[in-house]
Amino acid sequence: MESLENKEVLSVAGSGDFYFNALLYGATSVDLFDINYLTKFLICLKRCAIEQMDYDTFLSFLGLNRLEEIFSYASFKKICSCFDEELYTFWADIYDLAYHDGYAIYTSNLITNFGCSKREIIEANPYLIKEN
């Protein structure tokens, strides 16, 4: 990805990875669109996790350190104070439906698993590098 210093960006929302990478590379604003309204909730969840968690806990929450900790309910409860009402209601309902099991959320139809390795995911997403 080239420098986006002082540029305004329009992107598909998807998983939010391009959004976070664009901010890392200096975009002044990033506007997102997506046919899937649910992407908003995943990106906001990631944003709060980035803001509230230390690096290792964040990677674990994404399942990159320990897959059994993906979307950990205990970690979710620690970050939900930064959620607005809509975001909290959405994720609280999802966790309730999954019986507070983050792995059940990960294996549900809500999340698409592309089977990439931790190394591939981090190499493709510089915002996931600790120094960044």
C-alpha atoms as a PDB file:
ATOM      1  CA  MET A   1       0.000   0.000   0.000  1.00  0.00           C
ATOM      2  CA  GLU A   2       1.321   3.408  -0.930  1.00  0.00           C
ATOM      3  CA  SER A   3       1.354   6.353   1.407  1.00  0.00           C
ATOM      4  CA  LEU A   4      -2.099   7.817   1.795  1.00  0.00           C
ATOM      5  CA  GLU A   5      -0.784  10.866   3.629  1.00  0.00           C
ATOM      6  CA  ASN A   6      -3.369  13.677   3.598  1.00  0.00           C
ATOM      7  CA  LYS A   7      -5.717  11.771   1.273  1.00  0.00           C
ATOM      8  CA  GLU A   8      -9.401  11.051   1.569  1.00  0.00           C
ATOM      9  CA  VAL A   9     -10.247   7.413   0.877  1.00  0.00           C
ATOM     10  CA  LEU A  10     -13.410   5.609  -0.189  1.00  0.00           C
ATOM     11  CA  SER A  11     -13.381   1.838   0.295  1.00  0.00           C
ATOM     12  CA  VAL A  12     -15.519  -1.234   0.618  1.00  0.00           C
ATOM     13  CA  ALA A  13     -15.916  -1.888   4.350  1.00  0.00           C
ATOM     14  CA  GLY A  14     -15.477  -5.663   4.349  1.00  0.00           C
ATOM     15  CA  SER A  15     -13.632  -6.793   7.463  1.00  0.00           C
ATOM     16  CA  GLY A  16     -12.337  -3.274   8.124  1.00  0.00           C
ATOM     17  CA  ASP A  17      -8.727  -4.221   7.500  1.00  0.00           C
ATOM     18  CA  PHE A  18      -8.313  -1.754   4.626  1.00  0.00           C
ATOM     19  CA  TYR A  19      -9.882   0.943   6.822  1.00  0.00           C
ATOM     20  CA  PHE A  20      -7.343   0.435   9.608  1.00  0.00           C
ATOM     21  CA  ASN A  21      -4.448   0.130   7.156  1.00  0.00           C
ATOM     22  CA  ALA A  22      -5.491   3.345   5.365  1.00  0.00           C
ATOM     23  CA  LEU A  23      -5.500   5.219   8.673  1.00  0.00           C
ATOM     24  CA  LEU A  24      -2.078   3.781   9.470  1.00  0.00           C
ATOM     25  CA  TYR A  25      -0.780   5.023   6.120  1.00  0.00           C
ATOM     26  CA  GLY A  26      -1.927   8.574   6.810  1.00  0.00           C
ATOM     27  CA  ALA A  27      -5.396   8.938   5.290  1.00  0.00           C
ATOM     28  CA  THR A  28      -7.137  11.988   6.704  1.00  0.00           C
ATOM     29  CA  SER A  29     -10.519  10.309   6.351  1.00  0.00           C
ATOM     30  CA  VAL A  30     -11.798   6.935   5.238  1.00  0.00           C
ATOM     31  CA  ASP A  31     -15.402   6.596   4.109  1.00  0.00           C
ATOM     32  CA  LEU A  32     -16.737   3.061   3.892  1.00  0.00           C
ATOM     33  CA  PHE A  33     -19.591   1.426   2.027  1.00  0.00           C
ATOM     34  CA  ASP A  34     -20.767  -2.149   1.840  1.00  0.00           C
ATOM     35  CA  ILE A  35     -23.828  -4.043   0.692  1.00  0.00           C
ATOM     36  CA  ASN A  36     -23.648  -5.948   4.000  1.00  0.00           C
ATOM     37  CA  TYR A  37     -24.820  -3.668   6.827  1.00  0.00           C
ATOM     38  CA  LEU A  38     -23.290  -6.028   9.416  1.00  0.00           C
ATOM     39  CA  THR A  39     -19.752  -4.989   8.461  1.00  0.00           C
ATOM     40  CA  LYS A  40     -20.350  -1.824  10.478  1.00  0.00           C
ATOM     41  CA  PHE A  41     -20.655  -3.848  13.674  1.00  0.00           C
ATOM     42  CA  LEU A  42     -17.488  -5.853  13.065  1.00  0.00           C
ATOM     43  CA  ILE A  43     -15.418  -2.763  12.258  1.00  0.00           C
ATOM     44  CA  CYS A  44     -16.700  -0.924  15.319  1.00  0.00           C
ATOM     45  CA  LEU A  45     -15.943  -3.979  17.471  1.00  0.00           C
ATOM     46  CA  LYS A  46     -12.378  -4.062  16.119  1.00  0.00           C
ATOM     47  CA  ARG A  47     -11.962  -0.309  16.653  1.00  0.00           C
ATOM     48  CA  CYS A  48     -12.995  -0.584  20.299  1.00  0.00           C
ATOM     49  CA  ALA A  49     -10.757  -3.619  20.757  1.00  0.00           C
ATOM     50  CA  ILE A  50      -7.781  -1.695  19.324  1.00  0.00           C
ATOM     51  CA  GLU A  51      -8.505   1.244  21.610  1.00  0.00           C
ATOM     52  CA  GLN A  52      -9.117  -0.781  24.783  1.00  0.00           C
ATOM     53  CA  MET A  53      -6.870  -3.865  24.607  1.00  0.00           C
ATOM     54  CA  ASP A  54      -3.151  -4.414  24.780  1.00  0.00           C
ATOM     55  CA  TYR A  55      -1.563  -5.895  21.657  1.00  0.00           C
ATOM     56  CA  ASP A  56      -1.488  -9.561  22.712  1.00  0.00           C
ATOM     57  CA  THR A  57      -5.055  -9.509  24.034  1.00  0.00           C
ATOM     58  CA  PHE A  58      -6.197  -7.886  20.791  1.00  0.00           C
ATOM     59  CA  LEU A  59      -4.528 -10.574  18.674  1.00  0.00           C
ATOM     60  CA  SER A  60      -6.064 -13.251  20.903  1.00  0.00           C
ATOM     61  CA  PHE A  61      -9.493 -11.608  20.547  1.00  0.00           C
ATOM     62  CA  LEU A  62      -9.074 -11.903  16.767  1.00  0.00           C
ATOM     63  CA  GLY A  63      -8.004 -15.531  17.179  1.00  0.00           C
ATOM     64  CA  LEU A  64      -4.481 -14.858  15.977  1.00  0.00           C
ATOM     65  CA  ASN A  65      -2.675 -15.913  19.179  1.00  0.00           C
ATOM     66  CA  ARG A  66      -4.990 -18.600  20.480  1.00  0.00           C
ATOM     67  CA  LEU A  67      -8.000 -19.581  18.399  1.00  0.00           C
ATOM     68  CA  GLU A  68      -9.848 -20.756  21.510  1.00  0.00           C
ATOM     69  CA  GLU A  69      -9.841 -17.117  22.713  1.00  0.00           C
ATOM     70  CA  ILE A  70     -11.393 -15.685  19.546  1.00  0.00           C
ATOM     71  CA  PHE A  71     -14.139 -13.201  20.406  1.00  0.00           C
ATOM     72  CA  SER A  72     -13.684 -14.065  24.077  1.00  0.00           C
ATOM     73  CA  TYR A  73     -16.751 -12.989  26.044  1.00  0.00           C
ATOM     74  CA  ALA A  74     -14.567 -11.853  28.959  1.00  0.00           C
ATOM     75  CA  SER A  75     -12.618  -9.588  26.592  1.00  0.00           C
ATOM     76  CA  PHE A  76     -15.856  -8.360  25.014  1.00  0.00           C
ATOM     77  CA  LYS A  77     -17.181  -7.355  28.447  1.00  0.00           C
ATOM     78  CA  LYS A  78     -13.998  -5.341  29.097  1.00  0.00           C
ATOM     79  CA  ILE A  79     -14.356  -3.247  25.938  1.00  0.00           C
ATOM     80  CA  CYS A  80     -18.105  -2.767  25.673  1.00  0.00           C
ATOM     81  CA  SER A  81     -17.994   0.445  27.725  1.00  0.00           C
ATOM     82  CA  CYS A  82     -16.850   2.260  24.571  1.00  0.00           C
ATOM     83  CA  PHE A  83     -19.829   0.970  22.520  1.00  0.00           C
ATOM     84  CA  ASP A  84     -22.806   3.083  21.598  1.00  0.00           C
ATOM     85  CA  GLU A  85     -26.233   1.592  22.344  1.00  0.00           C
ATOM     86  CA  GLU A  86     -26.732   0.099  18.870  1.00  0.00           C
ATOM     87  CA  LEU A  87     -23.320  -1.594  18.847  1.00  0.00           C
ATOM     88  CA  TYR A  88     -23.768  -2.948  22.376  1.00  0.00           C
ATOM     89  CA  THR A  89     -27.250  -4.300  21.647  1.00  0.00           C
ATOM     90  CA  PHE A  90     -26.081  -6.016  18.450  1.00  0.00           C
ATOM     91  CA  TRP A  91     -23.077  -7.745  20.033  1.00  0.00           C
ATOM     92  CA  ALA A  92     -24.829  -8.557  23.327  1.00  0.00           C
ATOM     93  CA  ASP A  93     -27.556 -10.305  21.326  1.00  0.00           C
ATOM     94  CA  ILE A  94     -24.975 -12.196  19.256  1.00  0.00           C
ATOM     95  CA  TYR A  95     -23.132 -13.337  22.400  1.00  0.00           C
ATOM     96  CA  ASP A  96     -26.437 -14.377  23.994  1.00  0.00           C
ATOM     97  CA  LEU A  97     -27.378 -16.429  20.916  1.00  0.00           C
ATOM     98  CA  ALA A  98     -23.930 -18.081  21.024  1.00  0.00           C
ATOM     99  CA  TYR A  99     -24.215 -18.755  24.776  1.00  0.00           C
ATOM    100  CA  HIS A 100     -21.287 -16.362  25.351  1.00  0.00           C
ATOM    101  CA  ASP A 101     -19.006 -18.621  23.316  1.00  0.00           C
ATOM    102  CA  GLY A 102     -16.762 -16.561  21.033  1.00  0.00           C
ATOM    103  CA  TYR A 103     -15.673 -19.641  19.111  1.00  0.00           C
ATOM    104  CA  ALA A 104     -19.333 -20.350  18.311  1.00  0.00           C
ATOM    105  CA  ILE A 105     -19.577 -16.840  16.835  1.00  0.00           C
ATOM    106  CA  TYR A 106     -16.435 -17.460  14.782  1.00  0.00           C
ATOM    107  CA  THR A 107     -17.783 -20.726  13.360  1.00  0.00           C
ATOM    108  CA  SER A 108     -21.257 -19.295  12.671  1.00  0.00           C
ATOM    109  CA  ASN A 109     -22.489 -17.886   9.367  1.00  0.00           C
ATOM    110  CA  LEU A 110     -21.757 -14.397  10.722  1.00  0.00           C
ATOM    111  CA  ILE A 111     -18.012 -14.748  10.083  1.00  0.00           C
ATOM    112  CA  THR A 112     -16.336 -15.907   6.875  1.00  0.00           C
ATOM    113  CA  ASN A 113     -13.171 -17.877   7.519  1.00  0.00           C
ATOM    114  CA  PHE A 114     -10.698 -17.766   4.633  1.00  0.00           C
ATOM    115  CA  GLY A 115      -8.270 -20.195   6.257  1.00  0.00           C
ATOM    116  CA  CYS A 116      -5.276 -17.853   6.224  1.00  0.00           C
ATOM    117  CA  SER A 117      -2.376 -18.329   8.602  1.00  0.00           C
ATOM    118  CA  LYS A 118      -1.503 -15.790  11.300  1.00  0.00           C
ATOM    119  CA  ARG A 119       1.620 -14.857   9.334  1.00  0.00           C
ATOM    120  CA  GLU A 120      -0.379 -14.253   6.126  1.00  0.00           C
ATOM    121  CA  ILE A 121      -2.961 -12.134   7.931  1.00  0.00           C
ATOM    122  CA  ILE A 122      -0.383  -9.957   9.683  1.00  0.00           C
ATOM    123  CA  GLU A 123       1.758  -9.557   6.544  1.00  0.00           C
ATOM    124  CA  ALA A 124      -1.311  -8.401   4.612  1.00  0.00           C
ATOM    125  CA  ASN A 125      -2.364  -5.994   7.373  1.00  0.00           C
ATOM    126  CA  PRO A 126       0.380  -3.743   8.714  1.00  0.00           C
ATOM    127  CA  TYR A 127      -1.979  -2.322  11.351  1.00  0.00           C
ATOM    128  CA  LEU A 128      -1.665  -5.717  13.074  1.00  0.00           C
ATOM    129  CA  ILE A 129       2.103  -5.334  13.532  1.00  0.00           C
ATOM    130  CA  LYS A 130       2.902  -4.479  17.150  1.00  0.00           C
ATOM    131  CA  GLU A 131       5.040  -1.439  16.318  1.00  0.00           C
ATOM    132  CA  ASN A 132       2.201   0.060  14.300  1.00  0.00           C
END
